[in-house]
Each structure stands twice: as structure tokens, then as C-alpha cells.
Amino acid sequence: MGLMRLPSSLISNVKSFSRINAYRKRSHQRDVPKGHLAVYVGENQKTRFVIPISFLEQPLFQELLRHSEEEFGFDHQMGGLTISCQEDQFFKLTALLHIS
């Protein structure tokens, strides 16, 4: 299965969600540097990570977002973007994206 390019509207929605969430969760957003966003990763217990916004433009990350959107939509209990995958898989993906 090849990677699909996500429509720009999804990327815009993620960026808008991040801005809206920053207003709702200011105390948690203070440790998120400009150009980054907080995501919650895990299948059962969620761990918070701060990632560069540039990841949103990467096809591999877009595929991960598409699967997460199907599972969670954009209304998250954690107050941030939730990604359902194992943490070790997330580490491998982000390591690849940092190299690119």
C-alpha cells in the first residue's frame, strides 16, 4: 500500500486544532517552543511528545495522522493531537524524519 498525500485541509485542521488547543491548555503549552506541537502517543497509556510542525508535511507522518484521524477524529480527551501507535514505532518514525 503506497502512501497517500493528505489533503491540505487536513493539515490546516491540525494546525488550527493546535492553535485552538494552545488557548485551552496554556499551562501545558508553555513548554512547547514556537514551530512545534504536542502530541500524545500510545495505544493504551498515552505519552506526551513535542514535535516540529514540519513533520506535518512529511508523507510518513501524514499517513500516521490519517490513521489517527480515523480512530480519534479531532476531539481528543487528552487535550492534544492523539496518535495511536506503539511508542517504539513513533520513535523510529521521528528518527527517520529528523534525518530527512
PDB file of N, CA and C in Angstrom:
ATOM      1  N   MET A   1       0.849  -1.173   0.000  1.00  0.00           N
ATOM      2  CA  MET A   1       0.000   0.000   0.000  1.00  0.00           C
ATOM      3  C   MET A   1       0.897   1.241   0.000  1.00  0.00           C
ATOM      4  N   GLY A   2       0.748   2.090  -0.989  1.00  0.00           N
ATOM      5  CA  GLY A   2       1.549   3.300  -1.081  1.00  0.00           C
ATOM      6  C   GLY A   2       1.037   4.382  -0.153  1.00  0.00           C
ATOM      7  N   LEU A   3       1.882   5.331   0.109  1.00  0.00           N
ATOM      8  CA  LEU A   3       1.495   6.449   0.965  1.00  0.00           C
ATOM      9  C   LEU A   3       0.659   7.435   0.178  1.00  0.00           C
ATOM     10  N   MET A   4      -0.413   7.879   0.780  1.00  0.00           N
ATOM     11  CA  MET A   4      -1.267   8.878   0.155  1.00  0.00           C
ATOM     12  C   MET A   4      -0.901  10.251   0.682  1.00  0.00           C
ATOM     13  N   ARG A   5      -0.996  11.227  -0.151  1.00  0.00           N
ATOM     14  CA  ARG A   5      -0.787  12.612   0.275  1.00  0.00           C
ATOM     15  C   ARG A   5      -2.090  13.112   0.871  1.00  0.00           C
ATOM     16  N   LEU A   6      -2.032  13.610   2.074  1.00  0.00           N
ATOM     17  CA  LEU A   6      -3.230  14.111   2.729  1.00  0.00           C
ATOM     18  C   LEU A   6      -3.630  15.444   2.137  1.00  0.00           C
ATOM     19  N   PRO A   7      -4.929  15.681   2.043  1.00  0.00           N
ATOM     20  CA  PRO A   7      -5.366  16.980   1.534  1.00  0.00           C
ATOM     21  C   PRO A   7      -4.889  18.106   2.444  1.00  0.00           C
ATOM     22  N   SER A   8      -4.642  19.252   1.838  1.00  0.00           N
ATOM     23  CA  SER A   8      -4.154  20.387   2.621  1.00  0.00           C
ATOM     24  C   SER A   8      -5.150  20.782   3.701  1.00  0.00           C
ATOM     25  N   SER A   9      -6.441  20.468   3.491  1.00  0.00           N
ATOM     26  CA  SER A   9      -7.439  20.810   4.503  1.00  0.00           C
ATOM     27  C   SER A   9      -7.178  20.067   5.809  1.00  0.00           C
ATOM     28  N   LEU A  10      -6.689  18.818   5.737  1.00  0.00           N
ATOM     29  CA  LEU A  10      -6.388  18.068   6.958  1.00  0.00           C
ATOM     30  C   LEU A  10      -5.222  18.711   7.687  1.00  0.00           C
ATOM     31  N   ILE A  11      -4.198  19.106   6.940  1.00  0.00           N
ATOM     32  CA  ILE A  11      -3.050  19.759   7.565  1.00  0.00           C
ATOM     33  C   ILE A  11      -3.487  21.073   8.185  1.00  0.00           C
ATOM     34  N   SER A  12      -4.338  21.812   7.488  1.00  0.00           N
ATOM     35  CA  SER A  12      -4.866  23.069   8.039  1.00  0.00           C
ATOM     36  C   SER A  12      -5.658  22.807   9.305  1.00  0.00           C
ATOM     37  N   ASN A  13      -6.450  21.732   9.310  1.00  0.00           N
ATOM     38  CA  ASN A  13      -7.232  21.384  10.500  1.00  0.00           C
ATOM     39  C   ASN A  13      -6.323  21.071  11.677  1.00  0.00           C
ATOM     40  N   VAL A  14      -5.235  20.345  11.425  1.00  0.00           N
ATOM     41  CA  VAL A  14      -4.302  20.010  12.506  1.00  0.00           C
ATOM     42  C   VAL A  14      -3.664  21.281  13.043  1.00  0.00           C
ATOM     43  N   LYS A  15      -3.250  22.182  12.149  1.00  0.00           N
ATOM     44  CA  LYS A  15      -2.638  23.434  12.587  1.00  0.00           C
ATOM     45  C   LYS A  15      -3.644  24.282  13.352  1.00  0.00           C
ATOM     46  N   SER A  16      -4.897  24.334  12.876  1.00  0.00           N
ATOM     47  CA  SER A  16      -5.941  25.094  13.576  1.00  0.00           C
ATOM     48  C   SER A  16      -6.213  24.483  14.941  1.00  0.00           C
ATOM     49  N   PHE A  17      -6.275  23.150  14.995  1.00  0.00           N
ATOM     50  CA  PHE A  17      -6.504  22.470  16.260  1.00  0.00           C
ATOM     51  C   PHE A  17      -5.398  22.821  17.242  1.00  0.00           C
ATOM     52  N   SER A  18      -4.161  22.855  16.758  1.00  0.00           N
ATOM     53  CA  SER A  18      -3.037  23.178  17.622  1.00  0.00           C
ATOM     54  C   SER A  18      -3.167  24.586  18.192  1.00  0.00           C
ATOM     55  N   ARG A  19      -3.572  25.550  17.347  1.00  0.00           N
ATOM     56  CA  ARG A  19      -3.736  26.931  17.819  1.00  0.00           C
ATOM     57  C   ARG A  19      -4.868  27.030  18.831  1.00  0.00           C
ATOM     58  N   ILE A  20      -5.998  26.383  18.548  1.00  0.00           N
ATOM     59  CA  ILE A  20      -7.136  26.413  19.470  1.00  0.00           C
ATOM     60  C   ILE A  20      -6.762  25.743  20.776  1.00  0.00           C
ATOM     61  N   ASN A  21      -6.092  24.615  20.680  1.00  0.00           N
ATOM     62  CA  ASN A  21      -5.694  23.882  21.873  1.00  0.00           C
ATOM     63  C   ASN A  21      -4.739  24.700  22.732  1.00  0.00           C
ATOM     64  N   ALA A  22      -3.902  25.509  22.100  1.00  0.00           N
ATOM     65  CA  ALA A  22      -2.960  26.346  22.858  1.00  0.00           C
ATOM     66  C   ALA A  22      -3.714  27.305  23.771  1.00  0.00           C
ATOM     67  N   TYR A  23      -4.831  27.818  23.312  1.00  0.00           N
ATOM     68  CA  TYR A  23      -5.631  28.709  24.151  1.00  0.00           C
ATOM     69  C   TYR A  23      -6.292  27.941  25.290  1.00  0.00           C
ATOM     70  N   ARG A  24      -6.751  26.718  25.014  1.00  0.00           N
ATOM     71  CA  ARG A  24      -7.449  25.925  26.032  1.00  0.00           C
ATOM     72  C   ARG A  24      -6.488  25.383  27.089  1.00  0.00           C
ATOM     73  N   LYS A  25      -5.292  25.072  26.719  1.00  0.00           N
ATOM     74  CA  LYS A  25      -4.338  24.410  27.616  1.00  0.00           C
ATOM     75  C   LYS A  25      -3.054  25.208  27.756  1.00  0.00           C
ATOM     76  N   ARG A  26      -3.158  26.488  28.030  1.00  0.00           N
ATOM     77  CA  ARG A  26      -1.960  27.346  28.092  1.00  0.00           C
ATOM     78  C   ARG A  26      -0.901  26.805  29.042  1.00  0.00           C
ATOM     79  N   SER A  27      -1.299  26.281  30.164  1.00  0.00           N
ATOM     80  CA  SER A  27      -0.299  25.806  31.119  1.00  0.00           C
ATOM     81  C   SER A  27       0.525  24.664  30.543  1.00  0.00           C
ATOM     82  N   HIS A  28      -0.084  23.826  29.716  1.00  0.00           N
ATOM     83  CA  HIS A  28       0.656  22.724  29.106  1.00  0.00           C
ATOM     84  C   HIS A  28       1.419  23.181  27.876  1.00  0.00           C
ATOM     85  N   GLN A  29       1.000  24.262  27.244  1.00  0.00           N
ATOM     86  CA  GLN A  29       1.623  24.720  26.014  1.00  0.00           C
ATOM     87  C   GLN A  29       2.867  25.552  26.271  1.00  0.00           C
ATOM     88  N   ARG A  30       3.095  25.988  27.483  1.00  0.00           N
ATOM     89  CA  ARG A  30       4.249  26.845  27.762  1.00  0.00           C
ATOM     90  C   ARG A  30       5.572  26.165  27.458  1.00  0.00           C
ATOM     91  N   ASP A  31       5.605  24.845  27.545  1.00  0.00           N
ATOM     92  CA  ASP A  31       6.849  24.139  27.268  1.00  0.00           C
ATOM     93  C   ASP A  31       6.952  23.704  25.805  1.00  0.00           C
ATOM     94  N   VAL A  32       6.032  24.176  24.950  1.00  0.00           N
ATOM     95  CA  VAL A  32       6.073  23.857  23.528  1.00  0.00           C
ATOM     96  C   VAL A  32       6.669  25.053  22.789  1.00  0.00           C
ATOM     97  N   PRO A  33       7.888  24.895  22.270  1.00  0.00           N
ATOM     98  CA  PRO A  33       8.517  26.024  21.578  1.00  0.00           C
ATOM     99  C   PRO A  33       7.794  26.365  20.279  1.00  0.00           C
ATOM    100  N   LYS A  34       7.971  27.574  19.836  1.00  0.00           N
ATOM    101  CA  LYS A  34       7.384  28.018  18.583  1.00  0.00           C
ATOM    102  C   LYS A  34       7.847  27.082  17.464  1.00  0.00           C
ATOM    103  N   GLY A  35       6.921  26.735  16.577  1.00  0.00           N
ATOM    104  CA  GLY A  35       7.251  25.834  15.480  1.00  0.00           C
ATOM    105  C   GLY A  35       7.116  24.366  15.838  1.00  0.00           C
ATOM    106  N   HIS A  36       6.550  24.084  17.004  1.00  0.00           N
ATOM    107  CA  HIS A  36       6.364  22.710  17.473  1.00  0.00           C
ATOM    108  C   HIS A  36       4.923  22.518  17.937  1.00  0.00           C
ATOM    109  N   LEU A  37       4.528  21.254  18.135  1.00  0.00           N
ATOM    110  CA  LEU A  37       3.241  20.976  18.736  1.00  0.00           C
ATOM    111  C   LEU A  37       3.352  19.733  19.597  1.00  0.00           C
ATOM    112  N   ALA A  38       2.462  19.647  20.572  1.00  0.00           N
ATOM    113  CA  ALA A  38       2.434  18.500  21.474  1.00  0.00           C
ATOM    114  C   ALA A  38       1.509  17.436  20.891  1.00  0.00           C
ATOM    115  N   VAL A  39       1.952  16.194  20.969  1.00  0.00           N
ATOM    116  CA  VAL A  39       1.131  15.058  20.560  1.00  0.00           C
ATOM    117  C   VAL A  39       1.171  14.025  21.679  1.00  0.00           C
ATOM    118  N   TYR A  40       0.129  13.224  21.741  1.00  0.00           N
ATOM    119  CA  TYR A  40       0.049  12.136  22.710  1.00  0.00           C
ATOM    120  C   TYR A  40       0.107  10.833  21.943  1.00  0.00           C
ATOM    121  N   VAL A  41       1.031   9.956  22.339  1.00  0.00           N
ATOM    122  CA  VAL A  41       1.304   8.736  21.591  1.00  0.00           C
ATOM    123  C   VAL A  41       1.149   7.534  22.509  1.00  0.00           C
ATOM    124  N   GLY A  42       0.546   6.492  21.984  1.00  0.00           N
ATOM    125  CA  GLY A  42       0.432   5.241  22.713  1.00  0.00           C
ATOM    126  C   GLY A  42      -0.880   4.555  22.402  1.00  0.00           C
ATOM    127  N   GLU A  43      -0.905   3.268  22.640  1.00  0.00           N
ATOM    128  CA  GLU A  43      -2.124   2.517  22.376  1.00  0.00           C
ATOM    129  C   GLU A  43      -3.029   2.501  23.599  1.00  0.00           C
ATOM    130  N   ASN A  44      -2.471   2.326  24.765  1.00  0.00           N
ATOM    131  CA  ASN A  44      -3.269   2.330  25.997  1.00  0.00           C
ATOM    132  C   ASN A  44      -2.954   3.576  26.807  1.00  0.00           C
ATOM    133  N   GLN A  45      -1.782   3.606  27.380  1.00  0.00           N
ATOM    134  CA  GLN A  45      -1.343   4.779  28.136  1.00  0.00           C
ATOM    135  C   GLN A  45      -0.665   5.738  27.173  1.00  0.00           C
ATOM    136  N   LYS A  46      -1.059   6.989  27.204  1.00  0.00           N
ATOM    137  CA  LYS A  46      -0.532   7.986  26.269  1.00  0.00           C
ATOM    138  C   LYS A  46       0.634   8.744  26.893  1.00  0.00           C
ATOM    139  N   THR A  47       1.676   8.962  26.088  1.00  0.00           N
ATOM    140  CA  THR A  47       2.834   9.743  26.489  1.00  0.00           C
ATOM    141  C   THR A  47       2.882  10.994  25.630  1.00  0.00           C
ATOM    142  N   ARG A  48       3.186  12.122  26.243  1.00  0.00           N
ATOM    143  CA  ARG A  48       3.216  13.403  25.543  1.00  0.00           C
ATOM    144  C   ARG A  48       4.600  13.644  24.935  1.00  0.00           C
ATOM    145  N   PHE A  49       4.616  14.030  23.652  1.00  0.00           N
ATOM    146  CA  PHE A  49       5.836  14.368  22.938  1.00  0.00           C
ATOM    147  C   PHE A  49       5.659  15.727  22.285  1.00  0.00           C
ATOM    148  N   VAL A  50       6.738  16.457  22.141  1.00  0.00           N
ATOM    149  CA  VAL A  50       6.731  17.734  21.440  1.00  0.00           C
ATOM    150  C   VAL A  50       7.519  17.518  20.157  1.00  0.00           C
ATOM    151  N   ILE A  51       6.861  17.783  19.005  1.00  0.00           N
ATOM    152  CA  ILE A  51       7.474  17.523  17.711  1.00  0.00           C
ATOM    153  C   ILE A  51       7.473  18.794  16.863  1.00  0.00           C
ATOM    154  N   PRO A  52       8.378  18.874  15.890  1.00  0.00           N
ATOM    155  CA  PRO A  52       8.378  20.031  14.985  1.00  0.00           C
ATOM    156  C   PRO A  52       7.142  20.012  14.083  1.00  0.00           C
ATOM    157  N   ILE A  53       6.575  21.166  13.821  1.00  0.00           N
ATOM    158  CA  ILE A  53       5.419  21.258  12.927  1.00  0.00           C
ATOM    159  C   ILE A  53       5.789  20.778  11.527  1.00  0.00           C
ATOM    160  N   SER A  54       7.050  20.869  11.161  1.00  0.00           N
ATOM    161  CA  SER A  54       7.488  20.427   9.833  1.00  0.00           C
ATOM    162  C   SER A  54       7.164  18.955   9.580  1.00  0.00           C
ATOM    163  N   PHE A  55       6.998  18.159  10.641  1.00  0.00           N
ATOM    164  CA  PHE A  55       6.619  16.757  10.471  1.00  0.00           C
ATOM    165  C   PHE A  55       5.286  16.630   9.751  1.00  0.00           C
ATOM    166  N   LEU A  56       4.411  17.634   9.900  1.00  0.00           N
ATOM    167  CA  LEU A  56       3.092  17.572   9.276  1.00  0.00           C
ATOM    168  C   LEU A  56       3.175  17.521   7.753  1.00  0.00           C
ATOM    169  N   GLU A  57       4.279  17.942   7.192  1.00  0.00           N
ATOM    170  CA  GLU A  57       4.456  17.951   5.746  1.00  0.00           C
ATOM    171  C   GLU A  57       5.052  16.651   5.224  1.00  0.00           C
ATOM    172  N   GLN A  58       5.497  15.767   6.101  1.00  0.00           N
ATOM    173  CA  GLN A  58       6.156  14.526   5.703  1.00  0.00           C
ATOM    174  C   GLN A  58       5.123  13.433   5.405  1.00  0.00           C
ATOM    175  N   PRO A  59       5.228  12.760   4.233  1.00  0.00           N
ATOM    176  CA  PRO A  59       4.255  11.725   3.863  1.00  0.00           C
ATOM    177  C   PRO A  59       4.096  10.616   4.901  1.00  0.00           C
ATOM    178  N   LEU A  60       5.188  10.161   5.513  1.00  0.00           N
ATOM    179  CA  LEU A  60       5.076   9.102   6.524  1.00  0.00           C
ATOM    180  C   LEU A  60       4.261   9.569   7.730  1.00  0.00           C
ATOM    181  N   PHE A  61       4.493  10.795   8.157  1.00  0.00           N
ATOM    182  CA  PHE A  61       3.759  11.331   9.299  1.00  0.00           C
ATOM    183  C   PHE A  61       2.304  11.584   8.918  1.00  0.00           C
ATOM    184  N   GLN A  62       2.063  12.009   7.688  1.00  0.00           N
ATOM    185  CA  GLN A  62       0.701  12.233   7.217  1.00  0.00           C
ATOM    186  C   GLN A  62      -0.108  10.944   7.235  1.00  0.00           C
ATOM    187  N   GLU A  63       0.527   9.858   6.861  1.00  0.00           N
ATOM    188  CA  GLU A  63      -0.151   8.549   6.896  1.00  0.00           C
ATOM    189  C   GLU A  63      -0.519   8.186   8.341  1.00  0.00           C
ATOM    190  N   LEU A  64       0.382   8.420   9.253  1.00  0.00           N
ATOM    191  CA  LEU A  64       0.105   8.174  10.668  1.00  0.00           C
ATOM    192  C   LEU A  64      -1.042   9.054  11.157  1.00  0.00           C
ATOM    193  N   LEU A  65      -1.058  10.314  10.745  1.00  0.00           N
ATOM    194  CA  LEU A  65      -2.158  11.220  11.118  1.00  0.00           C
ATOM    195  C   LEU A  65      -3.496  10.757  10.545  1.00  0.00           C
ATOM    196  N   ARG A  66      -3.468  10.267   9.311  1.00  0.00           N
ATOM    197  CA  ARG A  66      -4.706   9.805   8.684  1.00  0.00           C
ATOM    198  C   ARG A  66      -5.314   8.653   9.483  1.00  0.00           C
ATOM    199  N   HIS A  67      -4.468   7.714   9.886  1.00  0.00           N
ATOM    200  CA  HIS A  67      -4.964   6.590  10.694  1.00  0.00           C
ATOM    201  C   HIS A  67      -5.481   7.073  12.046  1.00  0.00           C
ATOM    202  N   SER A  68      -4.797   8.014  12.650  1.00  0.00           N
ATOM    203  CA  SER A  68      -5.231   8.545  13.936  1.00  0.00           C
ATOM    204  C   SER A  68      -6.534   9.316  13.807  1.00  0.00           C
ATOM    205  N   GLU A  69      -6.685  10.045  12.699  1.00  0.00           N
ATOM    206  CA  GLU A  69      -7.929  10.787  12.483  1.00  0.00           C
ATOM    207  C   GLU A  69      -9.103   9.822  12.348  1.00  0.00           C
ATOM    208  N   GLU A  70      -8.887   8.701  11.655  1.00  0.00           N
ATOM    209  CA  GLU A  70      -9.945   7.704  11.507  1.00  0.00           C
ATOM    210  C   GLU A  70     -10.368   7.148  12.859  1.00  0.00           C
ATOM    211  N   GLU A  71      -9.402   6.972  13.750  1.00  0.00           N
ATOM    212  CA  GLU A  71      -9.690   6.392  15.060  1.00  0.00           C
ATOM    213  C   GLU A  71     -10.221   7.417  16.052  1.00  0.00           C
ATOM    214  N   PHE A  72      -9.627   8.614  16.094  1.00  0.00           N
ATOM    215  CA  PHE A  72      -9.950   9.586  17.130  1.00  0.00           C
ATOM    216  C   PHE A  72     -10.678  10.829  16.640  1.00  0.00           C
ATOM    217  N   GLY A  73     -10.597  11.161  15.353  1.00  0.00           N
ATOM    218  CA  GLY A  73     -11.119  12.442  14.886  1.00  0.00           C
ATOM    219  C   GLY A  73     -10.250  13.558  15.436  1.00  0.00           C
ATOM    220  N   PHE A  74     -10.837  14.730  15.632  1.00  0.00           N
ATOM    221  CA  PHE A  74     -10.061  15.859  16.145  1.00  0.00           C
ATOM    222  C   PHE A  74     -10.516  16.290  17.526  1.00  0.00           C
ATOM    223  N   ASP A  75     -11.362  15.513  18.188  1.00  0.00           N
ATOM    224  CA  ASP A  75     -11.824  15.834  19.533  1.00  0.00           C
ATOM    225  C   ASP A  75     -11.146  14.865  20.493  1.00  0.00           C
ATOM    226  N   HIS A  76     -10.109  15.322  21.194  1.00  0.00           N
ATOM    227  CA  HIS A  76      -9.276  14.432  21.990  1.00  0.00           C
ATOM    228  C   HIS A  76      -9.464  14.652  23.475  1.00  0.00           C
ATOM    229  N   GLN A  77      -9.588  13.559  24.198  1.00  0.00           N
ATOM    230  CA  GLN A  77      -9.706  13.629  25.659  1.00  0.00           C
ATOM    231  C   GLN A  77      -8.444  14.185  26.298  1.00  0.00           C
ATOM    232  N   MET A  78      -7.293  13.955  25.673  1.00  0.00           N
ATOM    233  CA  MET A  78      -6.018  14.363  26.254  1.00  0.00           C
ATOM    234  C   MET A  78      -5.773  15.865  26.093  1.00  0.00           C
ATOM    235  N   GLY A  79      -6.576  16.530  25.258  1.00  0.00           N
ATOM    236  CA  GLY A  79      -6.379  17.958  25.037  1.00  0.00           C
ATOM    237  C   GLY A  79      -5.324  18.265  23.992  1.00  0.00           C
ATOM    238  N   GLY A  80      -4.918  17.283  23.230  1.00  0.00           N
ATOM    239  CA  GLY A  80      -3.931  17.465  22.173  1.00  0.00           C
ATOM    240  C   GLY A  80      -4.124  16.426  21.103  1.00  0.00           C
ATOM    241  N   LEU A  81      -3.331  16.501  20.080  1.00  0.00           N
ATOM    242  CA  LEU A  81      -3.393  15.550  18.987  1.00  0.00           C
ATOM    243  C   LEU A  81      -2.973  14.180  19.509  1.00  0.00           C
ATOM    244  N   THR A  82      -3.847  13.177  19.337  1.00  0.00           N
ATOM    245  CA  THR A  82      -3.579  11.836  19.847  1.00  0.00           C
ATOM    246  C   THR A  82      -3.244  10.912  18.684  1.00  0.00           C
ATOM    247  N   ILE A  83      -2.141  10.197  18.809  1.00  0.00           N
ATOM    248  CA  ILE A  83      -1.683   9.279  17.772  1.00  0.00           C
ATOM    249  C   ILE A  83      -1.638   7.881  18.367  1.00  0.00           C
ATOM    250  N   SER A  84      -2.395   6.989  17.762  1.00  0.00           N
ATOM    251  CA  SER A  84      -2.469   5.627  18.272  1.00  0.00           C
ATOM    252  C   SER A  84      -1.444   4.748  17.566  1.00  0.00           C
ATOM    253  N   CYS A  85      -0.317   4.568  18.202  1.00  0.00           N
ATOM    254  CA  CYS A  85       0.690   3.627  17.729  1.00  0.00           C
ATOM    255  C   CYS A  85       1.608   3.333  18.917  1.00  0.00           C
ATOM    256  N   GLN A  86       2.400   2.310  18.785  1.00  0.00           N
ATOM    257  CA  GLN A  86       3.326   1.985  19.854  1.00  0.00           C
ATOM    258  C   GLN A  86       4.424   3.045  19.898  1.00  0.00           C
ATOM    259  N   GLU A  87       4.877   3.342  21.112  1.00  0.00           N
ATOM    260  CA  GLU A  87       5.900   4.383  21.272  1.00  0.00           C
ATOM    261  C   GLU A  87       7.169   4.064  20.497  1.00  0.00           C
ATOM    262  N   ASP A  88       7.592   2.810  20.472  1.00  0.00           N
ATOM    263  CA  ASP A  88       8.823   2.473  19.751  1.00  0.00           C
ATOM    264  C   ASP A  88       8.667   2.721  18.253  1.00  0.00           C
ATOM    265  N   GLN A  89       7.479   2.495  17.692  1.00  0.00           N
ATOM    266  CA  GLN A  89       7.237   2.798  16.284  1.00  0.00           C
ATOM    267  C   GLN A  89       7.282   4.311  16.051  1.00  0.00           C
ATOM    268  N   PHE A  90       6.735   5.077  16.998  1.00  0.00           N
ATOM    269  CA  PHE A  90       6.765   6.525  16.885  1.00  0.00           C
ATOM    270  C   PHE A  90       8.209   7.032  16.930  1.00  0.00           C
ATOM    271  N   PHE A  91       9.032   6.462  17.816  1.00  0.00           N
ATOM    272  CA  PHE A  91      10.447   6.850  17.895  1.00  0.00           C
ATOM    273  C   PHE A  91      11.155   6.576  16.576  1.00  0.00           C
ATOM    274  N   LYS A  92      10.904   5.396  15.981  1.00  0.00           N
ATOM    275  CA  LYS A  92      11.541   5.047  14.708  1.00  0.00           C
ATOM    276  C   LYS A  92      11.129   6.027  13.610  1.00  0.00           C
ATOM    277  N   LEU A  93       9.840   6.354  13.552  1.00  0.00           N
ATOM    278  CA  LEU A  93       9.346   7.282  12.540  1.00  0.00           C
ATOM    279  C   LEU A  93       9.965   8.667  12.721  1.00  0.00           C
ATOM    280  N   THR A  94       9.967   9.161  13.950  1.00  0.00           N
ATOM    281  CA  THR A  94      10.518  10.509  14.173  1.00  0.00           C
ATOM    282  C   THR A  94      12.029  10.530  13.918  1.00  0.00           C
ATOM    283  N   ALA A  95      12.709   9.445  14.204  1.00  0.00           N
ATOM    284  CA  ALA A  95      14.151   9.373  13.902  1.00  0.00           C
ATOM    285  C   ALA A  95      14.369   9.478  12.393  1.00  0.00           C
ATOM    286  N   LEU A  96      13.550   8.788  11.609  1.00  0.00           N
ATOM    287  CA  LEU A  96      13.641   8.882  10.157  1.00  0.00           C
ATOM    288  C   LEU A  96      13.359  10.297   9.672  1.00  0.00           C
ATOM    289  N   LEU A  97      12.378  10.955  10.267  1.00  0.00           N
ATOM    290  CA  LEU A  97      12.011  12.296   9.843  1.00  0.00           C
ATOM    291  C   LEU A  97      13.075  13.321  10.219  1.00  0.00           C
ATOM    292  N   HIS A  98      13.779  13.099  11.322  1.00  0.00           N
ATOM    293  CA  HIS A  98      14.851  14.017  11.713  1.00  0.00           C
ATOM    294  C   HIS A  98      16.031  13.916  10.760  1.00  0.00           C
ATOM    295  N   ILE A  99      16.233  12.746  10.172  1.00  0.00           N
ATOM    296  CA  ILE A  99      17.334  12.530   9.226  1.00  0.00           C
ATOM    297  C   ILE A  99      17.034  13.200   7.896  1.00  0.00           C
ATOM    298  N   SER A 100      15.757  13.214   7.505  1.00  0.00           N
ATOM    299  CA  SER A 100      15.358  13.775   6.193  1.00  0.00           C
ATOM    300  C   SER A 100      15.620  15.246   6.104  1.00  0.00           C
TER     301      SER A 100
END
